[in-house]
């Protein structure tokens, strides 16, 4: 684009109340459900904030269910291939495109999860001063930010850990998955034309107390 054409483009966006950065964010992030605040804070980072309800967003064929009152940053390259999903507060249920081969991570204040599979849930448990991570199906590698503990996980159905300030990676102290559900996974995968890659022991499994 020539400079004069770019100036005209920017002027047109500003007349509509949009900046070039906002317009680029709208191209990269597809809002499937809800009304989140979406801000492209830099050329490679999109910040999404939910409000009082769940929202569903997609970055290419990676699809995310963001819990109410949550903030997440999506880091990407110039073609919007996803590199990192950084959960600042709240929770996020994610299904990742298995055909994308670049390195991808989900990061919380206490742990980074290298994604090698497709289904994952993370939650910042601020009141307990820890993070929760569940490999819903597939393969992930955990590395704590303090103490540098590491663990690889491979599962076909929900395997959860908690990671605190001391850096220890511990089995999650819950009998069922925390705040994430099997029908949500089916819904998220369907948005990308896929099905969950799990070995479901007892369909229909864990059902969400909300509708999407």
N, C-alpha and C. Protein backbone atom coordinates (compact mmCIF):
# COMPACT_ATOMS: atom_id res chain seq x y z
N UNK A 1 0.84 -1.19 0.00
CA UNK A 1 0.00 0.00 0.00
C UNK A 1 0.88 1.25 0.00
N UNK A 2 0.63 2.17 -0.94
CA UNK A 2 1.39 3.41 -0.97
C UNK A 2 1.00 4.29 0.21
N UNK A 3 1.92 5.21 0.51
CA UNK A 3 1.72 6.05 1.69
C UNK A 3 0.40 6.83 1.63
N UNK A 4 0.10 7.41 0.46
CA UNK A 4 -1.12 8.23 0.38
C UNK A 4 -2.36 7.36 0.54
N UNK A 5 -2.28 6.12 0.02
CA UNK A 5 -3.42 5.21 0.20
C UNK A 5 -3.56 4.79 1.66
N UNK A 6 -2.41 4.60 2.34
CA UNK A 6 -2.45 4.25 3.75
C UNK A 6 -3.05 5.38 4.57
N UNK A 7 -2.69 6.62 4.23
CA UNK A 7 -3.25 7.77 4.95
C UNK A 7 -4.76 7.83 4.77
N UNK A 8 -5.22 7.59 3.54
CA UNK A 8 -6.67 7.57 3.30
C UNK A 8 -7.35 6.45 4.08
N UNK A 9 -6.68 5.29 4.12
CA UNK A 9 -7.21 4.14 4.86
C UNK A 9 -7.35 4.48 6.34
N UNK A 10 -6.31 5.08 6.90
CA UNK A 10 -6.34 5.45 8.32
C UNK A 10 -7.42 6.49 8.58
N UNK A 11 -7.56 7.45 7.67
CA UNK A 11 -8.56 8.50 7.83
C UNK A 11 -9.96 7.90 7.82
N UNK A 12 -10.17 6.92 6.93
CA UNK A 12 -11.48 6.27 6.85
C UNK A 12 -11.79 5.51 8.13
N UNK A 13 -10.78 4.82 8.67
CA UNK A 13 -10.98 4.08 9.92
C UNK A 13 -11.30 5.03 11.07
N UNK A 14 -10.56 6.12 11.13
CA UNK A 14 -10.79 7.08 12.21
C UNK A 14 -12.18 7.69 12.11
N UNK A 15 -12.66 7.89 10.89
CA UNK A 15 -14.01 8.42 10.71
C UNK A 15 -15.06 7.46 11.24
N UNK A 16 -14.73 6.16 11.24
CA UNK A 16 -15.65 5.15 11.77
C UNK A 16 -15.40 4.88 13.26
N UNK A 17 -14.46 5.61 13.84
CA UNK A 17 -14.14 5.41 15.24
C UNK A 17 -13.20 4.27 15.50
N UNK A 18 -12.48 3.80 14.47
CA UNK A 18 -11.54 2.71 14.60
C UNK A 18 -10.13 3.19 14.33
N UNK A 19 -9.15 2.56 14.99
CA UNK A 19 -7.75 2.78 14.67
C UNK A 19 -7.27 1.64 13.79
N UNK A 20 -6.17 1.81 13.04
CA UNK A 20 -5.63 0.69 12.27
C UNK A 20 -5.34 -0.53 13.13
N UNK A 21 -4.88 -0.32 14.38
CA UNK A 21 -4.60 -1.44 15.28
C UNK A 21 -5.89 -2.18 15.63
N UNK A 22 -6.98 -1.41 15.92
CA UNK A 22 -8.26 -2.04 16.24
C UNK A 22 -8.79 -2.83 15.06
N UNK A 23 -8.67 -2.26 13.87
CA UNK A 23 -9.14 -2.96 12.68
C UNK A 23 -8.39 -4.26 12.49
N UNK A 24 -7.08 -4.24 12.76
CA UNK A 24 -6.28 -5.46 12.63
C UNK A 24 -6.71 -6.49 13.66
N UNK A 25 -7.01 -6.03 14.87
CA UNK A 25 -7.48 -6.95 15.91
C UNK A 25 -8.77 -7.62 15.49
N UNK A 26 -9.67 -6.84 14.88
CA UNK A 26 -10.95 -7.40 14.46
C UNK A 26 -10.77 -8.46 13.37
N UNK A 27 -9.71 -8.37 12.59
CA UNK A 27 -9.42 -9.40 11.60
C UNK A 27 -8.85 -10.65 12.24
N UNK A 28 -8.06 -10.49 13.29
CA UNK A 28 -7.36 -11.63 13.87
C UNK A 28 -8.16 -12.40 14.88
N UNK A 29 -9.04 -11.73 15.61
CA UNK A 29 -9.84 -12.37 16.65
C UNK A 29 -11.29 -12.43 16.19
N UNK A 30 -11.83 -13.64 16.15
CA UNK A 30 -13.24 -13.80 15.76
C UNK A 30 -14.05 -14.01 17.02
N UNK A 31 -14.98 -13.12 17.30
CA UNK A 31 -15.86 -13.26 18.46
C UNK A 31 -17.05 -14.10 18.04
N UNK A 32 -17.19 -15.27 18.62
CA UNK A 32 -18.27 -16.18 18.28
C UNK A 32 -19.49 -15.91 19.14
N UNK A 33 -19.24 -15.59 20.40
CA UNK A 33 -20.35 -15.34 21.31
C UNK A 33 -19.93 -14.35 22.38
N UNK A 34 -20.84 -13.44 22.73
CA UNK A 34 -20.58 -12.48 23.79
C UNK A 34 -20.12 -11.15 23.27
N UNK A 35 -19.83 -10.26 24.19
CA UNK A 35 -19.45 -8.89 23.86
C UNK A 35 -18.22 -8.49 24.67
N UNK A 36 -17.07 -9.08 24.37
CA UNK A 36 -15.86 -8.78 25.16
C UNK A 36 -15.24 -7.46 24.74
N UNK A 37 -14.37 -6.95 25.58
CA UNK A 37 -13.48 -5.85 25.20
C UNK A 37 -12.28 -6.46 24.51
N UNK A 38 -12.02 -6.06 23.26
CA UNK A 38 -10.92 -6.58 22.47
C UNK A 38 -10.02 -5.43 22.08
N UNK A 39 -8.75 -5.49 22.50
CA UNK A 39 -7.80 -4.42 22.21
C UNK A 39 -6.52 -5.02 21.64
N UNK A 40 -6.08 -4.50 20.51
CA UNK A 40 -4.79 -4.91 19.96
C UNK A 40 -3.75 -3.98 20.55
N UNK A 41 -3.08 -4.43 21.62
CA UNK A 41 -2.19 -3.56 22.37
C UNK A 41 -0.85 -3.36 21.68
N UNK A 42 -0.49 -4.24 20.75
CA UNK A 42 0.73 -4.10 19.97
C UNK A 42 0.55 -4.85 18.67
N UNK A 43 1.58 -4.88 17.84
CA UNK A 43 1.47 -5.57 16.55
C UNK A 43 1.36 -7.08 16.71
N UNK A 44 1.65 -7.61 17.92
CA UNK A 44 1.64 -9.06 18.10
C UNK A 44 0.87 -9.50 19.34
N UNK A 45 0.01 -8.64 19.90
CA UNK A 45 -0.69 -8.99 21.13
C UNK A 45 -2.12 -8.45 21.10
N UNK A 46 -3.07 -9.34 21.38
CA UNK A 46 -4.47 -8.96 21.50
C UNK A 46 -4.92 -9.24 22.92
N UNK A 47 -5.50 -8.23 23.56
CA UNK A 47 -6.01 -8.39 24.93
C UNK A 47 -7.52 -8.52 24.87
N UNK A 48 -8.05 -9.58 25.51
CA UNK A 48 -9.49 -9.82 25.54
C UNK A 48 -9.93 -9.84 26.99
N UNK A 49 -10.96 -9.07 27.29
CA UNK A 49 -11.53 -9.03 28.64
C UNK A 49 -13.01 -9.39 28.56
N UNK A 50 -13.39 -10.41 29.32
CA UNK A 50 -14.81 -10.75 29.39
C UNK A 50 -15.47 -9.86 30.45
N UNK A 51 -16.78 -9.93 30.47
CA UNK A 51 -17.52 -9.14 31.45
C UNK A 51 -18.20 -10.09 32.43
N UNK A 52 -19.50 -10.07 32.50
CA UNK A 52 -20.20 -10.88 33.51
C UNK A 52 -20.70 -12.21 32.96
N UNK A 53 -20.41 -12.50 31.70
CA UNK A 53 -20.85 -13.75 31.10
C UNK A 53 -19.70 -14.42 30.37
N UNK A 54 -19.85 -15.71 30.08
CA UNK A 54 -18.87 -16.41 29.27
C UNK A 54 -18.83 -15.81 27.87
N UNK A 55 -17.65 -15.82 27.26
CA UNK A 55 -17.52 -15.43 25.87
C UNK A 55 -16.77 -16.54 25.12
N UNK A 56 -16.96 -16.57 23.82
CA UNK A 56 -16.27 -17.54 22.97
C UNK A 56 -15.57 -16.76 21.86
N UNK A 57 -14.26 -16.97 21.73
CA UNK A 57 -13.49 -16.30 20.69
C UNK A 57 -12.60 -17.33 20.00
N UNK A 58 -12.15 -16.99 18.79
CA UNK A 58 -11.28 -17.88 18.04
C UNK A 58 -10.13 -17.09 17.45
N UNK A 59 -8.96 -17.70 17.43
CA UNK A 59 -7.80 -17.20 16.71
C UNK A 59 -7.48 -18.27 15.67
N UNK A 60 -7.81 -17.99 14.41
CA UNK A 60 -7.81 -19.01 13.37
C UNK A 60 -8.67 -20.19 13.84
N UNK A 61 -8.13 -21.42 13.91
CA UNK A 61 -8.92 -22.57 14.33
C UNK A 61 -8.62 -23.00 15.76
N UNK A 62 -8.08 -22.09 16.55
CA UNK A 62 -7.95 -22.28 17.99
C UNK A 62 -9.13 -21.56 18.63
N UNK A 63 -9.90 -22.26 19.46
CA UNK A 63 -11.15 -21.72 19.98
C UNK A 63 -11.12 -21.72 21.50
N UNK A 64 -11.66 -20.65 22.09
CA UNK A 64 -11.52 -20.42 23.53
C UNK A 64 -12.85 -20.02 24.16
N UNK A 65 -13.15 -20.62 25.30
CA UNK A 65 -14.26 -20.23 26.15
C UNK A 65 -13.66 -19.49 27.34
N UNK A 66 -13.90 -18.20 27.41
CA UNK A 66 -13.32 -17.36 28.46
C UNK A 66 -14.37 -17.16 29.55
N UNK A 67 -14.00 -17.46 30.79
CA UNK A 67 -14.92 -17.35 31.91
C UNK A 67 -15.26 -15.89 32.20
N UNK A 68 -16.38 -15.65 32.89
CA UNK A 68 -16.72 -14.27 33.27
C UNK A 68 -15.60 -13.62 34.09
N UNK A 69 -15.47 -12.30 33.93
CA UNK A 69 -14.51 -11.50 34.70
C UNK A 69 -13.08 -12.01 34.52
N UNK A 70 -12.71 -12.31 33.30
CA UNK A 70 -11.37 -12.83 32.99
C UNK A 70 -10.65 -11.89 32.03
N UNK A 71 -9.32 -12.00 32.03
CA UNK A 71 -8.50 -11.26 31.07
C UNK A 71 -7.45 -12.21 30.51
N UNK A 72 -7.34 -12.23 29.19
CA UNK A 72 -6.38 -13.10 28.52
C UNK A 72 -5.73 -12.33 27.38
N UNK A 73 -4.44 -12.58 27.17
CA UNK A 73 -3.69 -11.97 26.08
C UNK A 73 -3.31 -13.07 25.09
N UNK A 74 -3.58 -12.82 23.82
CA UNK A 74 -3.20 -13.74 22.76
C UNK A 74 -2.02 -13.14 21.99
N UNK A 75 -0.89 -13.85 22.00
CA UNK A 75 0.28 -13.41 21.26
C UNK A 75 0.38 -14.20 19.96
N UNK A 76 0.69 -13.51 18.87
CA UNK A 76 0.63 -14.13 17.55
C UNK A 76 1.68 -13.53 16.63
N UNK A 77 1.88 -14.20 15.48
CA UNK A 77 2.78 -13.64 14.49
C UNK A 77 1.98 -12.77 13.52
N UNK A 78 2.62 -12.30 12.45
CA UNK A 78 1.96 -11.35 11.55
C UNK A 78 0.79 -11.96 10.79
N UNK A 79 0.74 -13.28 10.69
CA UNK A 79 -0.39 -13.92 10.02
C UNK A 79 -1.39 -14.49 11.03
N UNK A 80 -1.28 -14.07 12.29
CA UNK A 80 -2.15 -14.48 13.38
C UNK A 80 -2.04 -15.95 13.73
N UNK A 81 -0.89 -16.57 13.44
CA UNK A 81 -0.62 -17.87 14.02
C UNK A 81 -0.33 -17.68 15.50
N UNK A 82 -1.00 -18.43 16.33
CA UNK A 82 -0.94 -18.23 17.77
C UNK A 82 0.35 -18.78 18.35
N UNK A 83 1.01 -17.98 19.21
CA UNK A 83 2.22 -18.41 19.90
C UNK A 83 1.97 -18.64 21.40
N UNK A 84 1.21 -17.74 22.02
CA UNK A 84 1.01 -17.83 23.48
C UNK A 84 -0.37 -17.32 23.86
N UNK A 85 -0.95 -17.98 24.85
CA UNK A 85 -2.20 -17.55 25.47
C UNK A 85 -1.88 -17.27 26.93
N UNK A 86 -1.91 -16.01 27.32
CA UNK A 86 -1.50 -15.63 28.67
C UNK A 86 -2.73 -15.24 29.49
N UNK A 87 -3.04 -16.07 30.47
CA UNK A 87 -4.20 -15.83 31.33
C UNK A 87 -3.76 -14.96 32.50
N UNK A 88 -4.30 -13.79 32.59
CA UNK A 88 -3.94 -12.83 33.65
C UNK A 88 -4.81 -13.05 34.88
N UNK A 89 -6.10 -13.20 34.66
CA UNK A 89 -7.04 -13.43 35.76
C UNK A 89 -8.22 -14.21 35.20
N UNK A 90 -8.86 -15.05 36.05
CA UNK A 90 -10.04 -15.78 35.62
C UNK A 90 -9.71 -17.16 35.09
N UNK A 91 -10.48 -17.62 34.09
CA UNK A 91 -10.30 -18.96 33.55
C UNK A 91 -10.49 -18.98 32.05
N UNK A 92 -9.88 -19.98 31.39
CA UNK A 92 -10.03 -20.14 29.95
C UNK A 92 -9.98 -21.62 29.59
N UNK A 93 -10.96 -22.05 28.79
CA UNK A 93 -11.05 -23.41 28.29
C UNK A 93 -10.70 -23.36 26.81
N UNK A 94 -9.73 -24.16 26.39
CA UNK A 94 -9.12 -23.98 25.07
C UNK A 94 -9.10 -25.29 24.30
N UNK A 95 -9.33 -25.19 22.99
CA UNK A 95 -9.05 -26.30 22.07
C UNK A 95 -8.16 -25.74 20.96
N UNK A 96 -7.08 -26.45 20.67
CA UNK A 96 -6.07 -25.95 19.76
C UNK A 96 -6.07 -26.74 18.45
N UNK A 97 -5.77 -26.03 17.38
CA UNK A 97 -5.74 -26.63 16.04
C UNK A 97 -4.58 -27.63 15.97
N UNK A 98 -4.85 -28.92 15.79
CA UNK A 98 -3.76 -29.89 15.75
C UNK A 98 -2.92 -29.80 14.48
N UNK A 99 -3.38 -29.08 13.49
CA UNK A 99 -2.63 -28.96 12.24
C UNK A 99 -1.59 -27.83 12.28
N UNK A 100 -1.70 -26.94 13.27
CA UNK A 100 -0.68 -25.90 13.43
C UNK A 100 0.52 -26.50 14.14
N UNK A 101 1.71 -26.26 13.61
CA UNK A 101 2.91 -26.92 14.11
C UNK A 101 3.84 -26.01 14.90
N UNK A 102 3.54 -24.72 14.97
CA UNK A 102 4.41 -23.82 15.72
C UNK A 102 4.27 -24.07 17.22
N UNK A 103 5.29 -23.69 17.98
CA UNK A 103 5.24 -23.83 19.43
C UNK A 103 4.14 -22.93 19.99
N UNK A 104 3.35 -23.49 20.92
CA UNK A 104 2.28 -22.73 21.57
C UNK A 104 2.28 -23.02 23.06
N UNK A 105 1.99 -22.00 23.85
CA UNK A 105 1.93 -22.19 25.30
C UNK A 105 0.69 -21.51 25.85
N UNK A 106 0.24 -22.02 27.00
CA UNK A 106 -0.73 -21.34 27.85
C UNK A 106 0.02 -20.97 29.12
N UNK A 107 -0.03 -19.69 29.50
CA UNK A 107 0.73 -19.22 30.65
C UNK A 107 -0.20 -18.58 31.67
N UNK A 108 0.04 -18.89 32.95
CA UNK A 108 -0.64 -18.24 34.07
C UNK A 108 0.43 -17.62 34.96
N UNK A 109 0.05 -16.94 36.04
CA UNK A 109 1.08 -16.34 36.90
C UNK A 109 2.09 -17.33 37.47
N UNK A 110 1.75 -18.64 37.54
CA UNK A 110 2.66 -19.58 38.20
C UNK A 110 3.15 -20.73 37.33
N UNK A 111 2.61 -20.88 36.13
CA UNK A 111 3.02 -22.03 35.30
C UNK A 111 2.88 -21.70 33.82
N UNK A 112 3.76 -22.30 33.03
CA UNK A 112 3.65 -22.26 31.57
C UNK A 112 3.40 -23.68 31.08
N UNK A 113 2.39 -23.84 30.23
CA UNK A 113 2.00 -25.14 29.71
C UNK A 113 2.29 -25.17 28.22
N UNK A 114 3.25 -25.97 27.81
CA UNK A 114 3.52 -26.15 26.38
C UNK A 114 2.48 -27.09 25.81
N UNK A 115 1.79 -26.64 24.80
CA UNK A 115 0.66 -27.39 24.26
C UNK A 115 1.13 -28.32 23.16
N UNK A 116 0.89 -29.60 23.36
CA UNK A 116 1.23 -30.59 22.34
C UNK A 116 0.00 -31.41 21.96
N UNK A 117 -1.14 -31.04 22.47
CA UNK A 117 -2.38 -31.72 22.17
C UNK A 117 -3.46 -30.72 21.83
N UNK A 118 -4.67 -30.97 22.23
CA UNK A 118 -5.74 -30.10 21.76
C UNK A 118 -6.66 -29.53 22.83
N UNK A 119 -6.83 -30.18 23.98
CA UNK A 119 -7.79 -29.69 24.96
C UNK A 119 -7.13 -29.30 26.27
N UNK A 120 -7.45 -28.09 26.79
CA UNK A 120 -6.80 -27.62 28.01
C UNK A 120 -7.70 -26.62 28.72
N UNK A 121 -7.62 -26.63 30.06
CA UNK A 121 -8.30 -25.61 30.86
C UNK A 121 -7.32 -25.04 31.87
N UNK A 122 -7.34 -23.73 32.05
CA UNK A 122 -6.50 -23.07 33.05
C UNK A 122 -7.35 -22.08 33.84
N UNK A 123 -7.00 -21.95 35.12
CA UNK A 123 -7.70 -20.99 35.97
C UNK A 123 -6.71 -20.40 36.97
N UNK A 124 -6.82 -19.10 37.17
CA UNK A 124 -6.03 -18.41 38.19
C UNK A 124 -6.85 -18.41 39.47
N UNK A 125 -6.42 -19.16 40.47
CA UNK A 125 -7.12 -19.24 41.75
C UNK A 125 -6.49 -18.23 42.71
N UNK A 126 -6.86 -16.99 42.52
CA UNK A 126 -6.22 -15.90 43.26
C UNK A 126 -6.38 -16.06 44.76
N UNK A 127 -7.56 -16.53 45.21
CA UNK A 127 -7.82 -16.64 46.64
C UNK A 127 -6.97 -17.73 47.29
N UNK A 128 -6.47 -18.68 46.48
CA UNK A 128 -5.61 -19.76 46.98
C UNK A 128 -4.15 -19.55 46.60
N UNK A 129 -3.86 -18.47 45.90
CA UNK A 129 -2.50 -18.13 45.49
C UNK A 129 -1.88 -19.26 44.67
N UNK A 130 -2.64 -19.73 43.67
CA UNK A 130 -2.12 -20.80 42.83
C UNK A 130 -2.84 -20.80 41.47
N UNK A 131 -2.32 -21.61 40.57
CA UNK A 131 -2.93 -21.81 39.26
C UNK A 131 -3.39 -23.25 39.13
N UNK A 132 -4.45 -23.45 38.36
CA UNK A 132 -5.00 -24.77 38.07
C UNK A 132 -4.83 -25.04 36.58
N UNK A 133 -4.38 -26.23 36.24
CA UNK A 133 -4.19 -26.62 34.85
C UNK A 133 -4.73 -28.02 34.66
N UNK A 134 -5.59 -28.19 33.64
CA UNK A 134 -6.11 -29.52 33.32
C UNK A 134 -5.83 -29.83 31.86
N UNK A 135 -5.13 -30.94 31.64
CA UNK A 135 -4.98 -31.49 30.30
C UNK A 135 -6.24 -32.32 30.03
N UNK A 136 -7.15 -31.78 29.25
CA UNK A 136 -8.43 -32.45 29.02
C UNK A 136 -8.28 -33.65 28.09
N UNK A 137 -7.41 -33.53 27.11
CA UNK A 137 -6.97 -34.64 26.26
C UNK A 137 -5.80 -34.15 25.43
N UNK A 138 -4.88 -35.05 25.15
CA UNK A 138 -3.69 -34.68 24.39
C UNK A 138 -2.45 -34.72 25.25
N UNK A 139 -1.48 -33.88 24.91
CA UNK A 139 -0.18 -33.86 25.57
C UNK A 139 0.21 -32.42 25.89
N UNK A 140 0.68 -32.20 27.12
CA UNK A 140 1.21 -30.89 27.50
C UNK A 140 2.47 -31.09 28.34
N UNK A 141 3.25 -30.03 28.47
CA UNK A 141 4.42 -30.05 29.35
C UNK A 141 4.34 -28.83 30.24
N UNK A 142 4.35 -29.07 31.56
CA UNK A 142 4.25 -28.00 32.56
C UNK A 142 5.63 -27.60 33.05
N UNK A 143 5.81 -26.30 33.23
CA UNK A 143 7.03 -25.78 33.86
C UNK A 143 6.62 -24.64 34.78
N UNK A 144 6.89 -24.81 36.08
CA UNK A 144 6.51 -23.78 37.04
C UNK A 144 7.44 -22.59 36.93
N UNK A 145 6.93 -21.41 37.26
CA UNK A 145 7.73 -20.19 37.17
C UNK A 145 8.69 -20.04 38.35
N UNK A 146 8.35 -20.67 39.49
CA UNK A 146 9.20 -20.61 40.67
C UNK A 146 9.63 -22.03 41.01
N UNK A 147 10.91 -22.23 41.18
CA UNK A 147 11.40 -23.56 41.48
C UNK A 147 11.66 -24.40 40.25
N UNK A 148 11.10 -24.00 39.13
CA UNK A 148 11.34 -24.63 37.84
C UNK A 148 11.07 -26.14 37.86
N UNK A 149 9.99 -26.53 38.55
CA UNK A 149 9.54 -27.91 38.47
C UNK A 149 8.94 -28.15 37.09
N UNK A 150 9.04 -29.38 36.61
CA UNK A 150 8.53 -29.72 35.29
C UNK A 150 7.78 -31.05 35.34
N UNK A 151 6.80 -31.19 34.46
CA UNK A 151 6.08 -32.46 34.34
C UNK A 151 5.43 -32.52 32.97
N UNK A 152 5.54 -33.69 32.32
CA UNK A 152 4.84 -33.93 31.06
C UNK A 152 3.58 -34.74 31.35
N UNK A 153 2.52 -34.42 30.64
CA UNK A 153 1.25 -35.13 30.79
C UNK A 153 0.77 -35.61 29.43
N UNK A 154 0.18 -36.79 29.41
CA UNK A 154 -0.45 -37.33 28.21
C UNK A 154 -1.69 -38.06 28.67
N UNK A 155 -2.86 -37.63 28.18
CA UNK A 155 -4.10 -38.24 28.66
C UNK A 155 -5.17 -38.18 27.58
N UNK A 156 -6.14 -39.04 27.71
CA UNK A 156 -7.29 -39.01 26.82
C UNK A 156 -8.53 -38.47 27.52
N UNK A 157 -8.38 -38.11 28.84
CA UNK A 157 -9.55 -37.59 29.54
C UNK A 157 -9.13 -36.98 30.86
N UNK A 158 -9.17 -35.66 30.99
CA UNK A 158 -9.00 -34.84 32.18
C UNK A 158 -7.95 -35.33 33.19
N UNK A 159 -6.84 -34.63 33.23
CA UNK A 159 -5.78 -34.89 34.21
C UNK A 159 -5.29 -33.54 34.69
N UNK A 160 -5.60 -33.19 35.95
CA UNK A 160 -5.42 -31.82 36.43
C UNK A 160 -4.33 -31.70 37.48
N UNK A 161 -3.70 -30.51 37.52
CA UNK A 161 -2.66 -30.18 38.48
C UNK A 161 -2.93 -28.79 39.06
N UNK A 162 -2.35 -28.53 40.24
CA UNK A 162 -2.32 -27.18 40.81
C UNK A 162 -0.86 -26.81 41.04
N UNK A 163 -0.56 -25.52 40.82
CA UNK A 163 0.81 -25.02 40.94
C UNK A 163 0.77 -23.74 41.75
N UNK A 164 1.48 -23.72 42.88
CA UNK A 164 1.47 -22.57 43.77
C UNK A 164 2.72 -21.74 43.68
N UNK A 165 2.81 -20.78 44.59
CA UNK A 165 3.94 -19.85 44.62
C UNK A 165 5.27 -20.57 44.83
N UNK A 166 5.24 -21.72 45.53
CA UNK A 166 6.48 -22.45 45.79
C UNK A 166 6.97 -23.24 44.57
N UNK A 167 6.18 -23.28 43.51
CA UNK A 167 6.61 -23.93 42.28
C UNK A 167 6.30 -25.41 42.21
N UNK A 168 5.77 -25.99 43.27
CA UNK A 168 5.45 -27.42 43.23
C UNK A 168 4.27 -27.69 42.29
N UNK A 169 4.36 -28.76 41.53
CA UNK A 169 3.28 -29.22 40.66
C UNK A 169 2.62 -30.41 41.34
N UNK A 170 1.37 -30.23 41.78
CA UNK A 170 0.69 -31.25 42.58
C UNK A 170 -0.59 -31.70 41.89
N UNK A 171 -0.99 -32.94 42.21
CA UNK A 171 -2.28 -33.43 41.73
C UNK A 171 -3.38 -32.53 42.25
N UNK A 172 -4.33 -32.17 41.38
CA UNK A 172 -5.42 -31.29 41.80
C UNK A 172 -6.30 -31.97 42.83
N UNK A 173 -6.68 -31.25 43.88
CA UNK A 173 -7.45 -31.86 44.97
C UNK A 173 -8.95 -31.83 44.71
N UNK A 174 -9.37 -32.24 43.53
CA UNK A 174 -10.78 -32.21 43.17
C UNK A 174 -11.17 -33.57 42.58
N UNK A 175 -12.40 -34.00 42.86
CA UNK A 175 -12.88 -35.28 42.34
C UNK A 175 -13.36 -35.17 40.90
N UNK A 176 -13.73 -33.97 40.48
CA UNK A 176 -14.21 -33.74 39.12
C UNK A 176 -13.47 -32.52 38.55
N UNK A 177 -13.49 -32.34 37.23
CA UNK A 177 -12.83 -31.16 36.65
C UNK A 177 -13.38 -29.87 37.24
N UNK A 178 -12.50 -28.92 37.48
CA UNK A 178 -12.87 -27.65 38.11
C UNK A 178 -13.39 -26.66 37.07
N UNK A 179 -14.67 -26.31 37.17
CA UNK A 179 -15.25 -25.20 36.39
C UNK A 179 -15.12 -25.35 34.87
N UNK A 180 -14.95 -26.59 34.37
CA UNK A 180 -14.97 -26.79 32.92
C UNK A 180 -15.62 -28.13 32.63
N UNK A 181 -16.20 -28.25 31.42
CA UNK A 181 -17.19 -29.28 31.20
C UNK A 181 -17.04 -29.93 29.83
N UNK A 182 -17.52 -31.18 29.74
CA UNK A 182 -17.37 -31.95 28.52
C UNK A 182 -18.20 -31.38 27.37
N UNK A 183 -19.42 -30.93 27.66
CA UNK A 183 -20.22 -30.39 26.57
C UNK A 183 -19.64 -29.09 26.03
N UNK A 184 -18.90 -28.36 26.88
CA UNK A 184 -18.20 -27.17 26.39
C UNK A 184 -17.11 -27.56 25.40
N UNK A 185 -16.40 -28.65 25.68
CA UNK A 185 -15.36 -29.12 24.76
C UNK A 185 -15.97 -29.51 23.41
N UNK A 186 -17.12 -30.18 23.44
CA UNK A 186 -17.79 -30.55 22.19
C UNK A 186 -18.16 -29.30 21.41
N UNK A 187 -18.70 -28.32 22.12
CA UNK A 187 -19.11 -27.07 21.48
C UNK A 187 -17.91 -26.34 20.87
N UNK A 188 -16.83 -26.22 21.63
CA UNK A 188 -15.66 -25.49 21.15
C UNK A 188 -15.06 -26.15 19.91
N UNK A 189 -14.89 -27.47 19.96
CA UNK A 189 -14.33 -28.17 18.81
C UNK A 189 -15.24 -28.02 17.59
N UNK A 190 -16.55 -28.03 17.80
CA UNK A 190 -17.48 -27.90 16.69
C UNK A 190 -17.34 -26.56 15.97
N UNK A 191 -16.92 -25.52 16.70
CA UNK A 191 -16.74 -24.21 16.07
C UNK A 191 -15.62 -24.23 15.04
N UNK A 192 -14.71 -25.21 15.15
CA UNK A 192 -13.62 -25.36 14.20
C UNK A 192 -13.82 -26.58 13.30
N UNK A 193 -15.03 -27.16 13.33
CA UNK A 193 -15.32 -28.31 12.49
C UNK A 193 -14.66 -29.59 12.94
N UNK A 194 -14.39 -29.72 14.25
CA UNK A 194 -13.72 -30.90 14.77
C UNK A 194 -14.56 -31.54 15.87
N UNK A 195 -14.10 -32.68 16.32
CA UNK A 195 -14.67 -33.36 17.48
C UNK A 195 -13.57 -33.56 18.52
N UNK A 196 -13.93 -33.69 19.80
CA UNK A 196 -12.91 -33.93 20.83
C UNK A 196 -12.13 -35.21 20.55
N UNK A 197 -10.83 -35.17 20.83
CA UNK A 197 -9.97 -36.34 20.63
C UNK A 197 -9.76 -37.05 21.97
N UNK A 198 -10.85 -37.53 22.54
CA UNK A 198 -10.78 -38.14 23.85
C UNK A 198 -11.22 -39.59 23.82
N UNK A 199 -10.96 -40.27 24.93
CA UNK A 199 -11.50 -41.60 25.17
C UNK A 199 -12.48 -41.46 26.33
N UNK A 200 -13.71 -41.09 25.99
CA UNK A 200 -14.69 -40.70 27.01
C UNK A 200 -15.18 -41.92 27.77
N UNK A 201 -15.01 -41.97 29.10
CA UNK A 201 -15.37 -43.17 29.87
C UNK A 201 -16.86 -43.31 30.12
N UNK A 202 -17.60 -42.18 30.10
CA UNK A 202 -19.01 -42.27 30.51
C UNK A 202 -19.82 -41.12 29.90
N UNK A 203 -20.10 -41.17 28.61
CA UNK A 203 -20.90 -40.10 28.01
C UNK A 203 -22.25 -39.98 28.69
N UNK A 204 -22.88 -38.81 28.82
CA UNK A 204 -22.38 -37.53 28.28
C UNK A 204 -21.36 -36.82 29.15
N UNK A 205 -21.04 -37.37 30.32
CA UNK A 205 -19.98 -36.78 31.14
C UNK A 205 -20.42 -35.53 31.88
N UNK A 206 -19.47 -34.63 32.10
CA UNK A 206 -19.70 -33.43 32.91
C UNK A 206 -20.41 -32.37 32.06
N UNK A 207 -21.59 -31.95 32.53
CA UNK A 207 -22.40 -31.01 31.78
C UNK A 207 -22.36 -29.63 32.42
N UNK A 208 -22.22 -28.61 31.60
CA UNK A 208 -22.10 -27.24 32.10
C UNK A 208 -23.42 -26.75 32.70
N UNK A 209 -23.34 -25.97 33.79
CA UNK A 209 -24.55 -25.40 34.38
C UNK A 209 -24.98 -24.12 33.68
N UNK A 210 -24.42 -23.86 32.50
CA UNK A 210 -24.79 -22.69 31.69
C UNK A 210 -24.95 -23.16 30.25
N UNK A 211 -25.59 -22.34 29.43
CA UNK A 211 -25.78 -22.68 28.02
C UNK A 211 -24.94 -21.77 27.15
N UNK A 212 -24.50 -22.31 26.03
CA UNK A 212 -23.72 -21.54 25.05
C UNK A 212 -24.54 -21.39 23.77
